N, C-alpha and C. Protein backbone atom coordinates (compact mmCIF):
# COMPACT_ATOMS: atom_id res chain seq x y z
N UNK A 1 16.22 -14.02 -6.85
CA UNK A 1 15.19 -13.67 -5.85
C UNK A 1 15.81 -13.39 -4.55
N UNK A 2 15.11 -12.70 -3.71
CA UNK A 2 15.53 -12.30 -2.44
C UNK A 2 14.43 -12.16 -1.49
N UNK A 3 14.64 -12.05 -0.10
CA UNK A 3 13.74 -11.96 0.86
C UNK A 3 14.11 -11.01 1.92
N UNK A 4 13.20 -10.05 2.24
CA UNK A 4 13.36 -9.13 3.24
C UNK A 4 12.14 -9.17 4.32
N UNK A 5 12.44 -8.74 5.56
CA UNK A 5 11.39 -8.74 6.60
C UNK A 5 11.19 -7.35 7.04
N UNK A 6 9.83 -7.07 7.23
CA UNK A 6 9.45 -5.65 7.59
C UNK A 6 8.49 -5.74 8.84
N UNK A 7 8.52 -4.78 9.72
CA UNK A 7 7.58 -4.72 10.90
C UNK A 7 6.30 -4.14 10.37
N UNK A 8 5.36 -3.98 11.27
CA UNK A 8 4.03 -3.49 10.85
C UNK A 8 4.23 -2.03 10.39
N UNK A 9 5.19 -1.30 10.73
CA UNK A 9 5.40 0.04 10.24
C UNK A 9 6.18 0.12 8.89
N UNK A 10 6.47 -0.99 8.30
CA UNK A 10 7.16 -1.09 6.97
C UNK A 10 8.57 -0.72 7.26
N UNK A 11 9.15 -1.02 8.37
CA UNK A 11 10.61 -0.78 8.67
C UNK A 11 11.24 -2.14 8.57
N UNK A 12 12.32 -2.14 7.63
CA UNK A 12 13.04 -3.50 7.51
C UNK A 12 13.67 -3.88 8.88
N UNK A 13 13.50 -5.21 9.09
CA UNK A 13 14.03 -5.78 10.37
C UNK A 13 14.87 -7.02 9.99
N UNK A 14 15.79 -7.38 10.99
CA UNK A 14 16.63 -8.52 10.83
C UNK A 14 15.87 -9.81 11.13
N UNK A 15 16.13 -10.87 10.20
CA UNK A 15 15.47 -12.15 10.49
C UNK A 15 15.75 -12.77 11.80
N UNK A 16 16.94 -12.37 12.38
CA UNK A 16 17.35 -12.98 13.66
C UNK A 16 16.42 -12.56 14.71
N UNK A 17 15.70 -11.47 14.61
CA UNK A 17 14.91 -10.85 15.67
C UNK A 17 13.30 -11.34 15.43
N UNK A 18 12.90 -12.16 14.52
CA UNK A 18 11.60 -12.48 14.24
C UNK A 18 10.88 -13.14 15.39
N UNK A 19 11.72 -13.92 16.18
CA UNK A 19 11.07 -14.61 17.27
C UNK A 19 10.52 -13.70 18.47
N UNK A 20 11.00 -12.48 18.42
CA UNK A 20 10.59 -11.44 19.49
C UNK A 20 9.47 -10.48 18.92
N UNK A 21 9.05 -10.75 17.69
CA UNK A 21 8.01 -9.87 17.08
C UNK A 21 6.79 -10.74 16.75
N UNK A 22 5.65 -10.07 17.21
CA UNK A 22 4.32 -10.78 17.01
C UNK A 22 3.82 -10.78 15.63
N UNK A 23 4.12 -9.59 14.91
CA UNK A 23 3.52 -9.32 13.61
C UNK A 23 4.54 -8.76 12.79
N UNK A 24 4.73 -9.51 11.50
CA UNK A 24 5.78 -9.11 10.53
C UNK A 24 5.40 -9.36 9.20
N UNK A 25 6.02 -8.87 8.27
CA UNK A 25 5.85 -9.24 6.79
C UNK A 25 7.19 -9.76 6.31
N UNK A 26 6.94 -10.97 5.62
CA UNK A 26 8.00 -11.61 4.86
C UNK A 26 7.81 -11.34 3.39
N UNK A 27 8.75 -10.54 2.79
CA UNK A 27 8.63 -10.04 1.44
C UNK A 27 9.55 -10.79 0.50
N UNK A 28 9.01 -11.39 -0.49
CA UNK A 28 9.77 -12.08 -1.57
C UNK A 28 9.84 -11.22 -2.75
N UNK A 29 11.04 -10.95 -3.19
CA UNK A 29 11.28 -10.18 -4.45
C UNK A 29 11.68 -11.00 -5.66
N UNK A 30 11.32 -10.64 -6.78
CA UNK A 30 11.69 -11.27 -8.04
C UNK A 30 13.08 -10.82 -8.47
N UNK A 31 13.70 -11.28 -9.49
CA UNK A 31 15.04 -10.98 -9.89
C UNK A 31 15.11 -9.46 -10.25
N UNK A 32 14.04 -8.82 -10.62
CA UNK A 32 14.15 -7.35 -10.93
C UNK A 32 13.86 -6.44 -9.71
N UNK A 33 13.77 -7.11 -8.53
CA UNK A 33 13.49 -6.43 -7.18
C UNK A 33 12.06 -5.86 -7.10
N UNK A 34 11.15 -6.50 -7.78
CA UNK A 34 9.74 -6.14 -7.47
C UNK A 34 9.16 -7.24 -6.67
N UNK A 35 7.96 -6.76 -6.00
CA UNK A 35 7.33 -7.75 -5.12
C UNK A 35 6.88 -9.02 -5.86
N UNK A 36 7.22 -10.17 -5.30
CA UNK A 36 6.60 -11.46 -5.81
C UNK A 36 5.56 -11.85 -4.87
N UNK A 37 5.70 -11.92 -3.58
CA UNK A 37 4.62 -12.08 -2.65
C UNK A 37 4.99 -11.48 -1.31
N UNK A 38 3.99 -11.13 -0.58
CA UNK A 38 4.00 -10.62 0.76
C UNK A 38 3.34 -11.53 1.65
N UNK A 39 4.03 -12.13 2.66
CA UNK A 39 3.32 -13.09 3.51
C UNK A 39 3.27 -12.33 4.92
N UNK A 40 2.17 -12.30 5.48
CA UNK A 40 1.90 -11.68 6.73
C UNK A 40 1.77 -12.70 7.85
N UNK A 41 2.60 -12.54 8.94
CA UNK A 41 2.85 -13.47 10.04
C UNK A 41 2.20 -12.82 11.32
N UNK A 42 1.44 -13.50 12.02
CA UNK A 42 1.00 -13.15 13.38
C UNK A 42 1.34 -14.37 14.44
N UNK A 43 2.15 -14.02 15.43
CA UNK A 43 2.49 -15.03 16.20
C UNK A 43 3.19 -16.21 15.58
N UNK A 44 3.94 -15.93 14.62
CA UNK A 44 4.72 -16.86 13.79
C UNK A 44 3.86 -17.85 12.87
N UNK A 45 2.63 -17.36 12.69
CA UNK A 45 1.77 -18.23 11.79
C UNK A 45 1.39 -17.32 10.64
N UNK A 46 1.50 -17.82 9.45
CA UNK A 46 1.14 -17.16 8.14
C UNK A 46 -0.40 -16.95 8.14
N UNK A 47 -0.72 -15.77 8.21
CA UNK A 47 -2.24 -15.47 8.24
C UNK A 47 -2.88 -14.77 6.98
N UNK A 48 -2.02 -14.19 6.10
CA UNK A 48 -2.50 -13.49 5.06
C UNK A 48 -1.38 -13.49 3.86
N UNK A 49 -1.82 -13.44 2.75
CA UNK A 49 -0.94 -13.51 1.49
C UNK A 49 -1.32 -12.58 0.43
N UNK A 50 -0.38 -11.81 0.10
CA UNK A 50 -0.55 -10.95 -1.12
C UNK A 50 0.39 -11.52 -2.24
N UNK A 51 -0.12 -11.93 -3.45
CA UNK A 51 0.63 -12.54 -4.45
C UNK A 51 0.65 -11.72 -5.62
N UNK A 52 1.86 -11.32 -6.20
CA UNK A 52 1.85 -10.55 -7.38
C UNK A 52 2.23 -11.40 -8.64
N UNK A 53 1.36 -11.47 -9.64
CA UNK A 53 1.57 -12.34 -10.80
C UNK A 53 1.43 -11.55 -12.03
N UNK A 54 2.28 -11.95 -13.00
CA UNK A 54 2.26 -11.50 -14.39
C UNK A 54 1.46 -12.34 -15.30
N UNK A 55 1.27 -13.65 -14.80
CA UNK A 55 0.63 -14.65 -15.64
C UNK A 55 -0.47 -15.27 -14.98
N UNK A 56 -1.68 -15.16 -15.47
CA UNK A 56 -2.89 -15.72 -14.75
C UNK A 56 -2.77 -17.23 -14.80
N UNK A 57 -1.90 -17.89 -15.45
CA UNK A 57 -1.77 -19.27 -15.32
C UNK A 57 -1.22 -19.80 -14.21
N UNK A 58 -0.45 -18.85 -13.43
CA UNK A 58 0.16 -19.20 -12.10
C UNK A 58 -0.85 -19.38 -11.01
N UNK A 59 -2.10 -18.81 -11.16
CA UNK A 59 -3.07 -18.89 -9.99
C UNK A 59 -3.31 -20.21 -9.46
N UNK A 60 -3.43 -21.28 -10.23
CA UNK A 60 -3.64 -22.62 -9.70
C UNK A 60 -2.46 -23.02 -8.81
N UNK A 61 -1.28 -22.68 -9.24
CA UNK A 61 -0.08 -23.05 -8.52
C UNK A 61 -0.09 -22.37 -7.13
N UNK A 62 -0.47 -21.09 -7.16
CA UNK A 62 -0.58 -20.43 -5.87
C UNK A 62 -1.55 -20.90 -4.91
N UNK A 63 -2.79 -21.32 -5.50
CA UNK A 63 -3.85 -21.85 -4.62
C UNK A 63 -3.51 -23.11 -4.04
N UNK A 64 -2.75 -23.93 -4.87
CA UNK A 64 -2.34 -25.24 -4.44
C UNK A 64 -1.29 -25.14 -3.34
N UNK A 65 -0.34 -24.13 -3.48
CA UNK A 65 0.61 -24.01 -2.48
C UNK A 65 0.12 -23.52 -1.12
N UNK A 66 -0.88 -22.60 -1.17
CA UNK A 66 -1.41 -22.00 -0.01
C UNK A 66 -2.82 -22.43 0.20
N UNK A 67 -3.10 -23.74 0.03
CA UNK A 67 -4.44 -24.30 0.07
C UNK A 67 -5.12 -24.06 1.46
N UNK A 68 -4.38 -23.78 2.56
CA UNK A 68 -4.91 -23.60 3.86
C UNK A 68 -5.47 -22.20 4.15
N UNK A 69 -5.18 -21.25 3.28
CA UNK A 69 -5.62 -19.91 3.36
C UNK A 69 -7.02 -19.64 2.84
N UNK A 70 -7.95 -19.11 3.42
CA UNK A 70 -9.22 -18.91 2.85
C UNK A 70 -9.28 -17.78 1.97
N UNK A 71 -8.43 -16.64 2.30
CA UNK A 71 -8.36 -15.53 1.43
C UNK A 71 -7.00 -15.18 1.00
N UNK A 72 -6.90 -14.96 -0.33
CA UNK A 72 -5.59 -14.73 -1.00
C UNK A 72 -5.79 -13.58 -1.80
N UNK A 73 -5.04 -12.50 -1.58
CA UNK A 73 -5.02 -11.22 -2.44
C UNK A 73 -4.09 -11.35 -3.63
N UNK A 74 -4.67 -11.28 -4.79
CA UNK A 74 -3.88 -11.47 -6.06
C UNK A 74 -3.77 -10.07 -6.69
N UNK A 75 -2.57 -9.70 -7.04
CA UNK A 75 -2.16 -8.49 -7.78
C UNK A 75 -1.70 -8.86 -9.07
N UNK A 76 -2.43 -8.47 -10.07
CA UNK A 76 -2.00 -8.77 -11.53
C UNK A 76 -1.23 -7.53 -11.91
N UNK A 77 0.13 -7.81 -12.07
CA UNK A 77 1.06 -6.73 -12.35
C UNK A 77 0.82 -6.21 -13.86
N UNK A 78 0.41 -4.87 -14.03
CA UNK A 78 0.14 -4.34 -15.22
C UNK A 78 1.37 -3.47 -15.79
N UNK A 79 2.05 -2.85 -14.90
CA UNK A 79 3.14 -1.92 -15.32
C UNK A 79 4.22 -1.84 -14.19
N UNK A 80 5.49 -1.87 -14.67
CA UNK A 80 6.60 -1.60 -13.64
C UNK A 80 7.47 -0.50 -14.18
N UNK A 81 7.94 0.33 -13.28
CA UNK A 81 8.70 1.65 -13.76
C UNK A 81 9.54 2.00 -12.55
N UNK A 82 10.95 1.86 -12.75
CA UNK A 82 11.82 2.20 -11.71
C UNK A 82 11.62 1.23 -10.49
N UNK A 83 11.23 1.85 -9.33
CA UNK A 83 11.05 1.14 -8.12
C UNK A 83 9.51 0.87 -7.85
N UNK A 84 8.66 1.16 -8.86
CA UNK A 84 7.15 1.13 -8.60
C UNK A 84 6.52 0.11 -9.62
N UNK A 85 5.54 -0.40 -9.06
CA UNK A 85 4.63 -1.43 -9.81
C UNK A 85 3.21 -1.11 -9.74
N UNK A 86 2.57 -1.16 -10.77
CA UNK A 86 1.01 -0.95 -10.76
C UNK A 86 0.32 -2.23 -10.98
N UNK A 87 -0.82 -2.50 -10.28
CA UNK A 87 -1.51 -3.70 -10.34
C UNK A 87 -3.03 -3.54 -10.44
N UNK A 88 -3.68 -4.51 -10.97
CA UNK A 88 -5.13 -4.76 -10.82
C UNK A 88 -5.13 -5.84 -9.57
N UNK A 89 -5.99 -5.58 -8.53
CA UNK A 89 -5.96 -6.46 -7.46
C UNK A 89 -7.32 -6.83 -7.10
N UNK A 90 -7.49 -8.16 -6.78
CA UNK A 90 -8.62 -8.82 -6.45
C UNK A 90 -8.49 -9.74 -5.22
N UNK A 91 -9.55 -9.79 -4.38
CA UNK A 91 -9.46 -10.74 -3.31
C UNK A 91 -10.11 -12.06 -3.91
N UNK A 92 -9.46 -13.22 -3.61
CA UNK A 92 -9.95 -14.46 -3.84
C UNK A 92 -10.39 -15.29 -2.54
N UNK A 93 -11.67 -15.53 -2.41
CA UNK A 93 -12.10 -16.18 -1.26
C UNK A 93 -12.41 -17.68 -1.61
N UNK A 94 -11.64 -18.58 -1.08
CA UNK A 94 -11.82 -20.05 -1.41
C UNK A 94 -11.70 -20.15 -3.00
N UNK A 95 -10.72 -19.47 -3.45
CA UNK A 95 -10.43 -19.52 -4.94
C UNK A 95 -11.43 -18.80 -5.90
N UNK A 96 -12.40 -18.19 -5.30
CA UNK A 96 -13.32 -17.44 -6.13
C UNK A 96 -13.12 -16.05 -6.14
N UNK A 97 -13.00 -15.53 -7.27
CA UNK A 97 -12.59 -14.09 -7.41
C UNK A 97 -13.74 -13.13 -7.04
N UNK A 98 -13.41 -12.06 -6.22
CA UNK A 98 -14.43 -11.06 -5.86
C UNK A 98 -14.78 -10.17 -7.04
N UNK A 99 -16.02 -9.54 -7.03
CA UNK A 99 -16.27 -8.59 -7.99
C UNK A 99 -15.67 -7.28 -7.83
N UNK A 100 -15.27 -7.04 -6.67
CA UNK A 100 -14.52 -5.67 -6.45
C UNK A 100 -13.14 -5.68 -6.90
N UNK A 101 -12.80 -4.56 -7.60
CA UNK A 101 -11.41 -4.47 -8.21
C UNK A 101 -10.73 -3.27 -7.54
N UNK A 102 -9.54 -3.31 -7.47
CA UNK A 102 -8.66 -2.19 -6.93
C UNK A 102 -7.50 -2.10 -7.80
N UNK A 103 -7.19 -0.81 -8.18
CA UNK A 103 -5.98 -0.44 -8.94
C UNK A 103 -4.99 0.10 -7.94
N UNK A 104 -3.85 -0.49 -7.78
CA UNK A 104 -2.88 -0.10 -6.74
C UNK A 104 -1.48 0.20 -7.31
N UNK A 105 -0.83 1.01 -6.68
CA UNK A 105 0.65 1.28 -7.03
C UNK A 105 1.41 1.06 -5.74
N UNK A 106 2.50 0.19 -5.98
CA UNK A 106 3.34 0.11 -4.73
C UNK A 106 4.79 0.48 -5.08
N UNK A 107 5.52 0.79 -4.00
CA UNK A 107 6.94 1.12 -4.11
C UNK A 107 7.59 -0.11 -3.45
N UNK A 108 8.69 -0.50 -3.93
CA UNK A 108 9.36 -1.79 -3.66
C UNK A 108 9.92 -1.83 -2.23
N UNK A 109 9.87 -0.71 -1.49
CA UNK A 109 10.43 -0.78 -0.07
C UNK A 109 9.33 -0.52 0.96
N UNK A 110 8.04 -0.53 0.52
CA UNK A 110 7.04 -0.17 1.46
C UNK A 110 5.94 -1.37 1.13
N UNK A 111 5.40 -1.95 2.26
CA UNK A 111 4.45 -2.96 2.00
C UNK A 111 3.00 -2.63 1.89
N UNK A 112 2.76 -1.28 1.84
CA UNK A 112 1.44 -0.71 1.76
C UNK A 112 1.43 0.09 0.46
N UNK A 113 0.20 0.20 -0.28
CA UNK A 113 0.12 0.88 -1.49
C UNK A 113 0.41 2.39 -1.36
N UNK A 114 0.86 3.07 -2.35
CA UNK A 114 0.93 4.52 -2.34
C UNK A 114 -0.28 5.09 -3.25
N UNK A 115 -0.91 4.41 -3.91
CA UNK A 115 -2.04 4.73 -4.60
C UNK A 115 -2.98 3.53 -4.61
N UNK A 116 -4.45 3.88 -4.36
CA UNK A 116 -5.43 2.73 -4.51
C UNK A 116 -6.72 3.48 -5.01
N UNK A 117 -7.26 2.69 -5.95
CA UNK A 117 -8.58 3.12 -6.55
C UNK A 117 -9.50 1.85 -6.31
N UNK A 118 -10.41 2.05 -5.57
CA UNK A 118 -11.44 0.87 -5.23
C UNK A 118 -12.55 1.12 -6.23
N UNK A 119 -12.88 0.13 -6.95
CA UNK A 119 -13.88 0.09 -8.03
C UNK A 119 -14.97 -0.97 -7.64
N UNK A 120 -16.23 -0.54 -7.43
CA UNK A 120 -17.30 -1.49 -7.11
C UNK A 120 -18.56 -0.90 -7.74
N UNK A 121 -19.78 -1.61 -7.16
CA UNK A 121 -21.01 -1.16 -7.80
C UNK A 121 -21.39 0.24 -7.44
N UNK A 122 -20.76 0.97 -6.55
CA UNK A 122 -21.05 2.20 -6.04
C UNK A 122 -20.27 3.29 -6.83
N UNK A 123 -19.31 2.73 -7.63
CA UNK A 123 -18.41 3.74 -8.38
C UNK A 123 -17.01 3.51 -8.08
N UNK A 124 -16.12 4.54 -7.92
CA UNK A 124 -14.76 4.41 -7.62
C UNK A 124 -14.26 5.36 -6.64
N UNK A 125 -13.42 5.13 -5.83
CA UNK A 125 -12.79 6.04 -4.83
C UNK A 125 -11.28 5.91 -4.98
N UNK A 126 -10.58 7.05 -5.22
CA UNK A 126 -9.11 7.12 -5.34
C UNK A 126 -8.45 7.77 -4.20
N UNK A 127 -7.43 7.20 -3.72
CA UNK A 127 -6.64 7.75 -2.52
C UNK A 127 -5.18 7.46 -2.88
N UNK A 128 -4.43 8.49 -2.51
CA UNK A 128 -2.96 8.28 -2.42
C UNK A 128 -2.42 8.36 -1.08
N UNK A 129 -1.32 7.66 -0.79
CA UNK A 129 -0.77 7.55 0.61
C UNK A 129 0.70 7.95 0.54
N UNK A 130 1.12 8.57 1.68
CA UNK A 130 2.45 8.83 1.97
C UNK A 130 2.72 8.35 3.38
N UNK A 131 3.89 7.65 3.64
CA UNK A 131 4.08 7.08 4.88
C UNK A 131 5.39 7.74 5.50
N UNK A 132 5.34 8.41 6.65
CA UNK A 132 6.27 8.82 7.35
C UNK A 132 6.75 7.75 8.35
N UNK A 133 7.56 6.85 7.82
CA UNK A 133 7.82 5.45 8.55
C UNK A 133 8.56 5.76 9.87
N UNK A 134 9.39 6.68 9.86
CA UNK A 134 10.25 7.04 11.17
C UNK A 134 9.23 7.46 12.26
N UNK A 135 8.33 8.24 12.03
CA UNK A 135 7.32 8.76 13.02
C UNK A 135 6.03 7.99 13.11
N UNK A 136 5.97 6.93 12.35
CA UNK A 136 4.72 6.11 12.24
C UNK A 136 3.43 6.88 11.90
N UNK A 137 3.51 7.89 10.93
CA UNK A 137 2.45 8.74 10.53
C UNK A 137 2.17 8.43 9.12
N UNK A 138 0.79 8.32 8.80
CA UNK A 138 0.27 8.06 7.51
C UNK A 138 -0.54 9.25 6.99
N UNK A 139 -0.32 9.64 5.67
CA UNK A 139 -0.96 10.76 5.07
C UNK A 139 -1.88 10.20 4.04
N UNK A 140 -3.20 10.44 4.14
CA UNK A 140 -4.25 9.93 3.20
C UNK A 140 -4.61 11.11 2.28
N UNK A 141 -4.42 11.09 1.05
CA UNK A 141 -4.89 12.26 0.18
C UNK A 141 -6.06 11.74 -0.65
N UNK A 142 -7.17 12.43 -0.49
CA UNK A 142 -8.44 12.15 -1.24
C UNK A 142 -8.69 13.11 -2.35
N UNK A 143 -9.38 12.62 -3.34
CA UNK A 143 -9.65 13.46 -4.59
C UNK A 143 -11.15 13.54 -4.98
N UNK A 144 -11.44 14.49 -5.65
CA UNK A 144 -13.00 14.57 -6.05
C UNK A 144 -13.07 13.72 -7.50
N UNK A 145 -14.30 13.80 -8.08
CA UNK A 145 -14.55 12.90 -9.10
C UNK A 145 -13.81 13.46 -10.49
N UNK A 146 -13.26 14.61 -10.37
CA UNK A 146 -12.29 15.23 -11.51
C UNK A 146 -10.87 14.94 -11.22
N UNK A 147 -10.60 14.30 -10.16
CA UNK A 147 -9.09 14.00 -9.84
C UNK A 147 -8.43 15.09 -9.11
N UNK A 148 -9.15 16.16 -8.71
CA UNK A 148 -8.48 17.23 -8.00
C UNK A 148 -8.46 16.96 -6.49
N UNK A 149 -7.40 17.49 -5.83
CA UNK A 149 -7.24 17.23 -4.36
C UNK A 149 -8.47 17.82 -3.52
N UNK A 150 -9.01 16.89 -2.71
CA UNK A 150 -10.14 17.26 -1.94
C UNK A 150 -9.75 17.53 -0.49
N UNK A 151 -9.07 16.56 0.04
CA UNK A 151 -8.63 16.79 1.53
C UNK A 151 -7.46 15.76 1.85
N UNK A 152 -6.68 16.12 2.95
CA UNK A 152 -5.64 15.32 3.39
C UNK A 152 -6.02 14.96 4.83
N UNK A 153 -5.95 13.68 5.12
CA UNK A 153 -6.10 13.23 6.53
C UNK A 153 -4.85 12.60 7.05
N UNK A 154 -4.41 13.04 8.16
CA UNK A 154 -3.24 12.57 8.76
C UNK A 154 -3.51 11.52 9.87
N UNK A 155 -2.98 10.29 9.87
CA UNK A 155 -3.28 9.29 10.76
C UNK A 155 -1.99 9.33 11.72
N UNK A 156 -2.23 9.61 12.98
CA UNK A 156 -1.10 9.83 13.94
C UNK A 156 -1.40 8.91 15.18
N UNK A 157 -1.27 7.59 15.01
CA UNK A 157 -1.65 6.77 16.23
C UNK A 157 -0.88 6.93 17.48
N UNK A 158 0.37 7.50 17.37
CA UNK A 158 1.21 7.68 18.54
C UNK A 158 1.15 9.09 19.12
N UNK A 159 0.28 9.97 18.50
CA UNK A 159 0.13 11.37 18.83
C UNK A 159 1.42 12.11 18.86
N UNK A 160 2.16 12.00 17.71
CA UNK A 160 3.41 12.64 17.47
C UNK A 160 3.12 14.09 17.50
N UNK A 161 1.96 14.57 16.88
CA UNK A 161 1.55 15.88 16.83
C UNK A 161 0.48 16.18 17.97
N UNK A 162 0.63 17.27 18.54
CA UNK A 162 -0.32 17.74 19.58
C UNK A 162 -1.44 18.42 19.13
N UNK A 163 -2.43 17.81 18.41
CA UNK A 163 -3.64 18.49 17.97
C UNK A 163 -4.67 17.54 17.71
N UNK A 164 -5.91 18.17 17.67
CA UNK A 164 -7.10 17.33 17.41
C UNK A 164 -7.59 17.56 15.97
N UNK A 165 -6.95 18.28 15.16
CA UNK A 165 -7.42 18.61 13.80
C UNK A 165 -6.51 17.91 12.87
N UNK A 166 -6.95 16.79 12.23
CA UNK A 166 -5.92 16.05 11.50
C UNK A 166 -6.51 16.16 9.96
N UNK A 167 -7.38 17.01 9.59
CA UNK A 167 -7.74 17.13 8.26
C UNK A 167 -7.43 18.41 7.59
N UNK A 168 -6.90 18.31 6.48
CA UNK A 168 -6.32 19.62 5.79
C UNK A 168 -7.11 19.77 4.51
N UNK A 169 -7.70 20.86 4.27
CA UNK A 169 -8.46 21.19 2.94
C UNK A 169 -7.67 22.03 2.00
N UNK A 170 -8.03 22.08 0.80
CA UNK A 170 -7.38 22.83 -0.24
C UNK A 170 -6.86 24.31 0.25
N UNK A 171 -7.74 25.00 0.78
CA UNK A 171 -7.52 26.31 1.23
C UNK A 171 -6.53 26.50 2.38
N UNK A 172 -6.33 25.24 3.02
CA UNK A 172 -5.38 25.27 4.24
C UNK A 172 -3.92 24.71 3.76
N UNK A 173 -3.73 24.41 2.59
CA UNK A 173 -2.37 23.97 2.11
C UNK A 173 -1.30 25.15 2.19
N UNK A 174 -0.29 24.85 2.77
CA UNK A 174 0.79 25.93 2.63
C UNK A 174 1.47 26.27 4.03
N UNK A 175 2.59 26.60 4.06
CA UNK A 175 3.28 26.88 5.31
C UNK A 175 2.59 27.94 6.16
N UNK A 176 2.36 27.61 7.31
CA UNK A 176 1.61 28.68 8.22
C UNK A 176 0.15 28.56 8.02
N UNK A 177 -0.39 27.80 7.20
CA UNK A 177 -1.89 27.73 7.13
C UNK A 177 -2.51 26.43 7.73
N UNK A 178 -1.67 25.49 8.22
CA UNK A 178 -2.21 24.38 8.80
C UNK A 178 -1.26 24.01 10.01
N UNK A 179 -1.68 23.24 11.00
CA UNK A 179 -0.80 22.91 12.21
C UNK A 179 0.48 22.12 11.60
N UNK A 180 0.45 21.50 10.60
CA UNK A 180 1.43 20.55 10.27
C UNK A 180 2.56 21.39 9.33
N UNK A 181 2.14 22.53 9.02
CA UNK A 181 2.94 23.27 7.95
C UNK A 181 3.09 22.53 6.62
N UNK A 182 2.04 21.75 6.39
CA UNK A 182 2.13 20.93 5.13
C UNK A 182 1.95 21.77 3.91
N UNK A 183 2.76 21.57 2.86
CA UNK A 183 2.46 22.21 1.58
C UNK A 183 2.83 21.08 0.46
N UNK A 184 2.54 21.35 -0.81
CA UNK A 184 2.89 20.35 -1.75
C UNK A 184 4.26 20.38 -2.32
N UNK A 185 5.18 21.30 -1.74
CA UNK A 185 6.59 21.43 -2.06
C UNK A 185 7.16 19.85 -1.69
N UNK A 186 7.84 19.34 -2.72
CA UNK A 186 8.28 17.90 -2.60
C UNK A 186 7.24 16.82 -2.50
N UNK A 187 5.92 17.18 -2.74
CA UNK A 187 4.89 16.27 -2.74
C UNK A 187 4.04 16.37 -4.04
N UNK A 188 4.76 16.72 -5.14
CA UNK A 188 4.09 16.95 -6.44
C UNK A 188 3.17 15.79 -6.79
N UNK A 189 3.55 14.51 -6.41
CA UNK A 189 2.83 13.42 -6.95
C UNK A 189 1.48 13.42 -6.20
N UNK A 190 1.15 14.08 -5.23
CA UNK A 190 -0.05 14.10 -4.44
C UNK A 190 -1.07 15.30 -4.87
N UNK A 191 -0.59 16.13 -5.73
CA UNK A 191 -1.43 17.40 -6.09
C UNK A 191 -2.73 16.93 -6.74
N UNK A 192 -2.62 16.01 -7.57
CA UNK A 192 -3.80 15.52 -8.35
C UNK A 192 -3.80 13.96 -8.30
N UNK A 193 -4.88 13.42 -8.73
CA UNK A 193 -4.87 11.95 -8.73
C UNK A 193 -3.91 11.39 -9.73
N UNK A 194 -3.74 12.09 -10.81
CA UNK A 194 -2.92 11.61 -11.93
C UNK A 194 -1.57 12.34 -11.86
N UNK A 195 -0.44 11.64 -12.10
CA UNK A 195 -0.30 10.30 -12.52
C UNK A 195 -0.44 9.33 -11.25
N UNK A 196 -0.69 8.02 -11.60
CA UNK A 196 -0.79 7.11 -10.44
C UNK A 196 0.50 6.32 -10.23
N UNK A 197 1.47 6.61 -11.01
CA UNK A 197 2.85 6.13 -10.84
C UNK A 197 3.77 7.35 -10.79
N UNK A 198 4.65 7.65 -9.79
CA UNK A 198 5.51 8.76 -9.74
C UNK A 198 6.36 8.96 -10.96
N UNK A 199 6.50 10.16 -11.47
CA UNK A 199 7.37 10.30 -12.57
C UNK A 199 8.81 10.22 -12.34
N UNK A 200 9.27 10.40 -11.13
CA UNK A 200 10.80 10.29 -10.81
C UNK A 200 11.29 8.92 -10.75
């Protein structure tokens, strides 16, 4: 097992610098380098826990260890492949499982999902994510009910790009067709909702 630390932008940081950082993630990996748990710290206090389990029998152990947290996110690992893992995810509030389910795919060097499917009484919504960690930009890809690309929304909190138009539709995909010159070249995973785990 190993531990790494990441800042809010999912950039790995040295543990020696934690005292100077208000918000960070402490990521525990299992022996196969997959997420075991992600602890979120604010002002050096544990405020949030994501726990990845392969055996539901471990739940009581998790709840006992983190008895002081009201909400714990449990990710039931369903598949691992290369550097990716796919989970069924539920929120547990005071040890009670919520009815809302999410299917999520993670890459082992980013603390945020690259695919998320929210399933509730209203149906399901599928989104894929790409993170430009260097520039702190997030790309959100949405899909229609048939799994076809519907739109791309670019979240640029530091205004790296000088534009007010952050949504790209299918007819605007391609070099010279949008402000970002975004195309699906090297972004094959995002063209359709399937597959939910990258093939590479």
